[in-house]
């Protein structure tokens, strides 16, 4: 396993290099809590480039929780197609919007506990909203972060929840807010799931390459 000093070296390098990489992440475009929250729901099982286009269309047509709640599921389904599971997500978007109106005055709550009570919201989405929109110290662990943290040797975990727990122990808090964005870009551009571009990797000399085909 990598020690804390090596992990911080990796983060410093990736933080600098990510400016050179293509970035389709919604969190880099949006800070508004509602847009980050609903964008995360849209992004599940969907490529970021598709999510970005669909989110822009949705918020152009319905820019508030009130406006989204007024749309029918059929209308929302047409707007958010072709994201994965668009019919199910249309139902979730309406449910979340109605709850925000009924319980939170149309605003997105700023606590982990309240966010986790919303339909379709897990720890990754909740932590991303907290870190991006409310600038709170939180680590959002998605498939990219989970894969890279294990592949490089930062952690040895079986699921994103375990990864978040372990990363909170070893990553200094000053990195928490940017960790998801940094590792997601790294995972999209260099450390790909199936064929990682190790020859282009700026931190290859530190990586333990766990699970990478020889």
Protein backbone atom coordinates (compact mmCIF):
# COMPACT_ATOMS: atom_id res chain seq x y z
CA UNK A 1 0.00 0.00 0.00
CA UNK A 2 1.12 3.55 -0.71
CA UNK A 3 2.19 5.72 2.20
CA UNK A 4 0.69 9.15 2.91
CA UNK A 5 3.68 11.02 1.46
CA UNK A 6 3.46 9.17 -1.86
CA UNK A 7 -0.31 9.66 -2.08
CA UNK A 8 0.10 13.40 -1.62
CA UNK A 9 2.79 13.47 -4.34
CA UNK A 10 0.32 11.79 -6.70
CA UNK A 11 -2.41 14.29 -5.88
CA UNK A 12 -0.12 17.26 -6.42
CA UNK A 13 0.89 15.96 -9.86
CA UNK A 14 -2.67 15.10 -10.93
CA UNK A 15 -4.02 18.43 -9.71
CA UNK A 16 -1.54 20.17 -11.99
CA UNK A 17 -1.98 17.88 -15.01
CA UNK A 18 -5.79 17.84 -15.04
CA UNK A 19 -5.86 21.26 -16.71
CA UNK A 20 -4.66 19.51 -19.87
CA UNK A 21 -7.44 16.89 -19.92
CA UNK A 22 -10.89 16.97 -21.49
CA UNK A 23 -13.51 17.77 -18.90
CA UNK A 24 -17.19 16.88 -19.38
CA UNK A 25 -18.01 16.63 -15.70
CA UNK A 26 -21.11 18.52 -14.64
CA UNK A 27 -19.46 19.62 -11.38
CA UNK A 28 -16.91 21.63 -13.35
CA UNK A 29 -19.70 23.55 -15.08
CA UNK A 30 -22.17 23.97 -12.24
CA UNK A 31 -22.06 25.00 -8.60
CA UNK A 32 -25.80 25.56 -8.08
CA UNK A 33 -27.01 22.94 -5.54
CA UNK A 34 -30.16 21.98 -7.47
CA UNK A 35 -28.30 21.56 -10.74
CA UNK A 36 -25.50 19.54 -9.15
CA UNK A 37 -28.01 17.33 -7.32
CA UNK A 38 -30.25 16.61 -10.29
CA UNK A 39 -27.27 16.40 -12.62
CA UNK A 40 -25.82 13.64 -10.44
CA UNK A 41 -29.10 11.73 -10.63
CA UNK A 42 -29.10 12.09 -14.42
CA UNK A 43 -25.47 10.95 -14.65
CA UNK A 44 -26.02 7.51 -13.13
CA UNK A 45 -25.21 4.85 -15.79
CA UNK A 46 -24.75 7.64 -18.36
CA UNK A 47 -21.67 9.11 -20.04
CA UNK A 48 -20.70 12.58 -18.84
CA UNK A 49 -20.90 14.14 -22.30
CA UNK A 50 -24.53 12.95 -22.60
CA UNK A 51 -25.36 14.08 -19.07
CA UNK A 52 -23.99 17.54 -19.75
CA UNK A 53 -26.14 18.06 -22.85
CA UNK A 54 -29.28 16.68 -21.23
CA UNK A 55 -28.79 18.74 -18.06
CA UNK A 56 -28.40 21.92 -20.11
CA UNK A 57 -31.65 21.15 -21.95
CA UNK A 58 -33.52 20.31 -18.74
CA UNK A 59 -32.51 23.46 -16.88
CA UNK A 60 -33.19 25.63 -19.91
CA UNK A 61 -36.78 24.35 -19.95
CA UNK A 62 -37.29 23.97 -16.19
CA UNK A 63 -34.74 26.00 -14.16
CA UNK A 64 -36.24 25.41 -10.68
CA UNK A 65 -37.64 22.65 -8.50
CA UNK A 66 -41.08 24.22 -8.91
CA UNK A 67 -40.84 24.17 -12.71
CA UNK A 68 -39.66 20.54 -12.75
CA UNK A 69 -42.43 19.43 -10.39
CA UNK A 70 -45.03 20.93 -12.74
CA UNK A 71 -43.87 18.77 -15.66
CA UNK A 72 -45.43 15.36 -16.19
CA UNK A 73 -43.29 12.24 -16.14
CA UNK A 74 -43.90 11.89 -19.88
CA UNK A 75 -42.66 15.42 -20.53
CA UNK A 76 -39.61 14.92 -18.34
CA UNK A 77 -38.85 11.59 -20.03
CA UNK A 78 -38.79 13.29 -23.43
CA UNK A 79 -36.56 16.09 -22.13
CA UNK A 80 -33.95 13.88 -20.47
CA UNK A 81 -33.76 11.16 -23.15
CA UNK A 82 -31.24 9.55 -23.96
CA UNK A 83 -29.80 9.25 -20.44
CA UNK A 84 -29.84 5.71 -19.11
CA UNK A 85 -33.09 4.65 -17.39
CA UNK A 86 -34.66 7.96 -18.43
CA UNK A 87 -38.22 6.96 -17.46
CA UNK A 88 -37.18 5.96 -13.95
CA UNK A 89 -35.08 9.10 -13.60
CA UNK A 90 -37.98 11.29 -14.76
CA UNK A 91 -40.04 9.92 -11.88
CA UNK A 92 -37.17 10.47 -9.44
CA UNK A 93 -36.60 14.08 -10.59
CA UNK A 94 -40.27 14.91 -9.97
CA UNK A 95 -40.26 13.20 -6.56
CA UNK A 96 -37.09 15.01 -5.47
CA UNK A 97 -38.41 18.37 -6.70
CA UNK A 98 -41.69 17.91 -4.85
CA UNK A 99 -39.90 16.99 -1.61
CA UNK A 100 -37.64 20.03 -1.92
CA UNK A 101 -40.72 22.24 -2.32
CA UNK A 102 -42.70 20.61 0.48
CA UNK A 103 -39.94 20.21 3.08
CA UNK A 104 -37.14 22.61 2.18
CA UNK A 105 -38.78 25.64 0.58
CA UNK A 106 -37.55 24.62 -2.86
CA UNK A 107 -33.92 24.65 -1.72
CA UNK A 108 -31.43 21.78 -1.59
CA UNK A 109 -30.52 20.88 2.01
CA UNK A 110 -26.90 21.27 3.06
CA UNK A 111 -26.57 18.31 5.43
CA UNK A 112 -25.56 14.76 4.55
CA UNK A 113 -28.42 13.30 6.56
CA UNK A 114 -31.12 15.32 4.79
CA UNK A 115 -29.64 14.72 1.34
CA UNK A 116 -29.57 10.95 1.90
CA UNK A 117 -33.31 11.02 2.60
CA UNK A 118 -34.03 12.15 -0.97
CA UNK A 119 -35.00 9.50 -3.58
CA UNK A 120 -32.15 8.42 -5.82
CA UNK A 121 -29.49 10.03 -3.64
CA UNK A 122 -26.63 7.94 -2.25
CA UNK A 123 -23.44 8.95 -0.51
CA UNK A 124 -21.60 9.80 -3.73
CA UNK A 125 -24.27 12.26 -4.88
CA UNK A 126 -24.75 13.72 -1.41
CA UNK A 127 -21.02 14.24 -0.90
CA UNK A 128 -20.62 15.81 -4.34
CA UNK A 129 -23.36 18.32 -3.58
CA UNK A 130 -21.78 19.12 -0.22
CA UNK A 131 -18.28 19.59 -1.62
CA UNK A 132 -19.12 21.34 -4.90
CA UNK A 133 -22.14 23.46 -3.98
CA UNK A 134 -21.66 24.08 -0.27
CA UNK A 135 -17.84 23.87 -0.16
CA UNK A 136 -17.93 21.42 2.72
CA UNK A 137 -15.21 18.88 3.39
CA UNK A 138 -16.55 15.70 1.80
CA UNK A 139 -15.19 12.94 -0.43
CA UNK A 140 -17.46 11.83 -3.26
CA UNK A 141 -16.52 8.31 -4.32
CA UNK A 142 -17.84 7.08 -7.67
CA UNK A 143 -16.64 4.21 -9.86
CA UNK A 144 -13.62 6.19 -11.09
CA UNK A 145 -12.45 7.15 -7.60
CA UNK A 146 -13.05 3.64 -6.25
CA UNK A 147 -11.16 2.02 -9.15
CA UNK A 148 -8.20 4.41 -9.12
CA UNK A 149 -7.77 4.41 -5.35
CA UNK A 150 -7.53 0.60 -5.42
CA UNK A 151 -5.53 0.29 -8.64
CA UNK A 152 -2.83 2.70 -7.50
CA UNK A 153 -2.59 1.13 -4.06
CA UNK A 154 -4.01 3.97 -1.99
CA UNK A 155 -6.59 1.62 -0.45
CA UNK A 156 -7.65 -2.03 -0.55
CA UNK A 157 -11.44 -2.01 -0.48
CA UNK A 158 -14.39 -3.84 -2.01
CA UNK A 159 -16.93 -1.06 -2.60
CA UNK A 160 -17.20 2.76 -2.82
CA UNK A 161 -18.49 3.07 0.74
CA UNK A 162 -15.41 1.33 2.13
CA UNK A 163 -13.22 3.42 -0.16
CA UNK A 164 -14.71 6.66 1.13
CA UNK A 165 -14.14 5.55 4.72
CA UNK A 166 -10.50 4.65 4.09
CA UNK A 167 -9.73 7.75 2.01
CA UNK A 168 -11.06 9.94 4.81
CA UNK A 169 -8.42 8.38 7.07
CA UNK A 170 -5.42 8.89 4.77
CA UNK A 171 -6.17 11.95 2.60
CA UNK A 172 -5.56 15.36 4.23
CA UNK A 173 -8.76 17.40 4.38
CA UNK A 174 -7.34 20.09 2.11
CA UNK A 175 -7.70 17.59 -0.79
CA UNK A 176 -11.21 16.36 -0.06
CA UNK A 177 -13.21 18.89 -2.09
CA UNK A 178 -11.16 18.44 -5.28
CA UNK A 179 -10.45 14.72 -4.96
CA UNK A 180 -13.47 13.53 -6.95
CA UNK A 181 -12.96 15.95 -9.82
CA UNK A 182 -9.22 15.22 -10.01
CA UNK A 183 -9.54 11.43 -10.00
CA UNK A 184 -12.56 11.40 -12.31
CA UNK A 185 -10.66 13.38 -14.96
CA UNK A 186 -7.67 11.10 -14.47
CA UNK A 187 -9.94 8.07 -14.86
CA UNK A 188 -11.61 9.42 -17.99
CA UNK A 189 -8.45 10.52 -19.77
CA UNK A 190 -5.59 8.30 -18.56
CA UNK A 191 -6.47 5.59 -16.05
CA UNK A 192 -9.24 4.03 -18.14
CA UNK A 193 -11.19 1.06 -16.74
CA UNK A 194 -10.13 -1.56 -19.31
CA UNK A 195 -7.09 -0.21 -21.12
CA UNK A 196 -5.32 2.31 -18.92
CA UNK A 197 -2.85 4.51 -20.77
CA UNK A 198 0.06 3.73 -18.47
CA UNK A 199 2.60 5.02 -20.99
CA UNK A 200 0.99 8.49 -20.75
CA UNK A 201 0.47 8.41 -16.99
CA UNK A 202 2.23 11.19 -15.03
CA UNK A 203 2.20 9.10 -11.83
CA UNK A 204 3.08 5.68 -13.25
CA UNK A 205 6.26 5.40 -11.18
CA UNK A 206 4.19 5.54 -7.97
CA UNK A 207 1.37 3.24 -9.09
CA UNK A 208 1.15 -0.36 -7.86
CA UNK A 209 -1.01 -1.27 -10.92
CA UNK A 210 -3.23 -3.61 -8.94
CA UNK A 211 -5.47 -5.52 -11.36
CA UNK A 212 -3.91 -3.99 -14.48
CA UNK A 213 -3.25 -6.63 -17.19
CA UNK A 214 0.43 -7.22 -17.80
